[in-house]
Amino acid sequence: MAKFPEAAARLHKNIFVCRKCKTKMRANIQKIMLKKVSCRKCQGKAFRPIKKGK
């Protein structure tokens, strides 16, 4: 899909998915690990990295 590094970074860098409501959010990995970020939709604090596809 992304053939050059700028596009790959824009699509996949610092994007996480809420485990509860599946909403995508862009946030810093340190804040995600420390649970300082909450979901806009459900206020959950459990996130996973976005899947990069094939």
N, C-alpha and C. Protein backbone atom coordinates (compact mmCIF):
# COMPACT_ATOMS: atom_id res chain seq x y z
N MET A 1 0.82 -1.18 0.00
CA MET A 1 0.00 0.00 0.00
C MET A 1 0.87 1.26 0.00
N ALA A 2 1.60 1.50 1.07
CA ALA A 2 2.47 2.67 1.13
C ALA A 2 3.84 2.29 0.59
N LYS A 3 4.23 2.96 -0.47
CA LYS A 3 5.49 2.62 -1.14
C LYS A 3 6.65 3.48 -0.67
N PHE A 4 6.38 4.60 -0.01
CA PHE A 4 7.47 5.44 0.44
C PHE A 4 7.30 5.75 1.93
N PRO A 5 8.40 6.04 2.60
CA PRO A 5 8.38 6.13 4.07
C PRO A 5 7.46 7.22 4.63
N GLU A 6 7.29 8.33 3.93
CA GLU A 6 6.42 9.39 4.44
C GLU A 6 4.97 8.91 4.53
N ALA A 7 4.53 8.17 3.53
CA ALA A 7 3.16 7.66 3.54
C ALA A 7 2.99 6.58 4.61
N ALA A 8 3.99 5.72 4.77
CA ALA A 8 3.91 4.67 5.79
C ALA A 8 3.84 5.29 7.19
N ALA A 9 4.61 6.34 7.43
CA ALA A 9 4.57 7.01 8.73
C ALA A 9 3.22 7.66 8.97
N ARG A 10 2.66 8.27 7.94
CA ARG A 10 1.37 8.94 8.08
C ARG A 10 0.24 7.95 8.37
N LEU A 11 0.33 6.76 7.77
CA LEU A 11 -0.73 5.77 7.93
C LEU A 11 -0.62 4.94 9.21
N HIS A 12 0.61 4.70 9.70
CA HIS A 12 0.79 3.72 10.77
C HIS A 12 1.49 4.22 12.02
N LYS A 13 2.18 5.34 11.97
CA LYS A 13 2.95 5.78 13.13
C LYS A 13 2.05 6.43 14.18
N ASN A 14 2.18 5.99 15.40
CA ASN A 14 1.47 6.55 16.56
C ASN A 14 -0.05 6.42 16.46
N ILE A 15 -0.56 5.43 15.74
CA ILE A 15 -2.00 5.21 15.66
C ILE A 15 -2.33 3.95 16.45
N PHE A 16 -3.30 4.07 17.34
CA PHE A 16 -3.71 2.96 18.20
C PHE A 16 -5.21 2.78 18.11
N VAL A 17 -5.69 1.57 18.42
CA VAL A 17 -7.10 1.23 18.34
C VAL A 17 -7.58 0.86 19.74
N CYS A 18 -8.72 1.41 20.11
CA CYS A 18 -9.32 1.11 21.41
C CYS A 18 -9.78 -0.35 21.40
N ARG A 19 -9.47 -1.07 22.44
CA ARG A 19 -9.85 -2.49 22.51
C ARG A 19 -11.35 -2.66 22.80
N LYS A 20 -11.97 -1.64 23.33
CA LYS A 20 -13.38 -1.74 23.71
C LYS A 20 -14.32 -1.36 22.56
N CYS A 21 -14.09 -0.20 21.94
CA CYS A 21 -15.02 0.28 20.91
C CYS A 21 -14.40 0.35 19.52
N LYS A 22 -13.14 -0.03 19.37
CA LYS A 22 -12.45 -0.11 18.07
C LYS A 22 -12.27 1.25 17.38
N THR A 23 -12.18 2.32 18.15
CA THR A 23 -11.95 3.65 17.59
C THR A 23 -10.45 3.87 17.43
N LYS A 24 -10.05 4.47 16.31
CA LYS A 24 -8.65 4.78 16.06
C LYS A 24 -8.30 6.13 16.67
N MET A 25 -7.11 6.18 17.30
CA MET A 25 -6.61 7.42 17.88
C MET A 25 -5.13 7.56 17.58
N ARG A 26 -4.68 8.79 17.41
CA ARG A 26 -3.27 9.06 17.24
C ARG A 26 -2.74 9.60 18.57
N ALA A 27 -1.74 8.93 19.12
CA ALA A 27 -1.17 9.37 20.39
C ALA A 27 0.26 8.86 20.49
N ASN A 28 0.99 9.42 21.41
CA ASN A 28 2.37 9.03 21.66
C ASN A 28 2.41 7.69 22.39
N ILE A 29 3.36 6.83 22.03
CA ILE A 29 3.42 5.49 22.61
C ILE A 29 3.69 5.52 24.11
N GLN A 30 4.48 6.50 24.58
CA GLN A 30 4.75 6.59 26.02
C GLN A 30 3.48 6.90 26.80
N LYS A 31 2.63 7.77 26.26
CA LYS A 31 1.38 8.10 26.94
C LYS A 31 0.43 6.91 26.94
N ILE A 32 0.43 6.13 25.87
CA ILE A 32 -0.41 4.93 25.81
C ILE A 32 0.06 3.92 26.86
N MET A 33 1.36 3.73 26.97
CA MET A 33 1.90 2.76 27.92
C MET A 33 1.62 3.17 29.37
N LEU A 34 1.63 4.46 29.65
CA LEU A 34 1.37 4.94 31.00
C LEU A 34 -0.12 5.14 31.29
N LYS A 35 -0.98 4.82 30.32
CA LYS A 35 -2.44 4.91 30.45
C LYS A 35 -2.89 6.35 30.73
N LYS A 36 -2.20 7.32 30.12
CA LYS A 36 -2.59 8.72 30.27
C LYS A 36 -3.58 9.15 29.20
N VAL A 37 -3.78 8.31 28.19
CA VAL A 37 -4.69 8.63 27.09
C VAL A 37 -5.97 7.84 27.28
N SER A 38 -7.09 8.52 27.11
CA SER A 38 -8.37 7.81 27.17
C SER A 38 -9.08 7.96 25.83
N CYS A 39 -9.92 7.01 25.52
CA CYS A 39 -10.66 7.00 24.26
C CYS A 39 -11.68 8.14 24.25
N ARG A 40 -11.83 8.79 23.10
CA ARG A 40 -12.80 9.88 22.99
C ARG A 40 -14.23 9.38 23.09
N LYS A 41 -14.45 8.16 22.61
CA LYS A 41 -15.81 7.64 22.50
C LYS A 41 -16.29 6.96 23.78
N CYS A 42 -15.45 6.07 24.35
CA CYS A 42 -15.91 5.27 25.49
C CYS A 42 -15.10 5.52 26.77
N GLN A 43 -14.12 6.39 26.73
CA GLN A 43 -13.24 6.70 27.87
C GLN A 43 -12.44 5.50 28.37
N GLY A 44 -12.24 4.48 27.52
CA GLY A 44 -11.41 3.35 27.88
C GLY A 44 -9.94 3.71 27.81
N LYS A 45 -9.10 2.95 28.48
CA LYS A 45 -7.67 3.22 28.49
C LYS A 45 -6.84 2.07 27.93
N ALA A 46 -7.50 1.06 27.36
CA ALA A 46 -6.81 -0.09 26.79
C ALA A 46 -6.73 0.09 25.27
N PHE A 47 -5.51 0.16 24.73
CA PHE A 47 -5.29 0.34 23.31
C PHE A 47 -4.35 -0.73 22.78
N ARG A 48 -4.43 -0.95 21.46
CA ARG A 48 -3.49 -1.83 20.78
C ARG A 48 -2.99 -1.09 19.55
N PRO A 49 -1.81 -1.46 19.04
CA PRO A 49 -1.33 -0.82 17.82
C PRO A 49 -2.21 -1.22 16.64
N ILE A 50 -2.26 -0.35 15.64
CA ILE A 50 -3.05 -0.64 14.44
C ILE A 50 -2.35 -1.73 13.64
N LYS A 51 -3.11 -2.61 12.99
CA LYS A 51 -2.53 -3.65 12.14
C LYS A 51 -2.08 -3.02 10.83
N LYS A 52 -0.89 -3.40 10.39
CA LYS A 52 -0.31 -2.75 9.21
C LYS A 52 -0.75 -3.35 7.89
N GLY A 53 -1.43 -4.49 7.92
CA GLY A 53 -1.88 -5.09 6.68
C GLY A 53 -0.79 -5.90 6.00
N LYS A 54 -1.10 -6.40 4.85
CA LYS A 54 -0.14 -7.24 4.13
C LYS A 54 0.65 -6.46 3.13
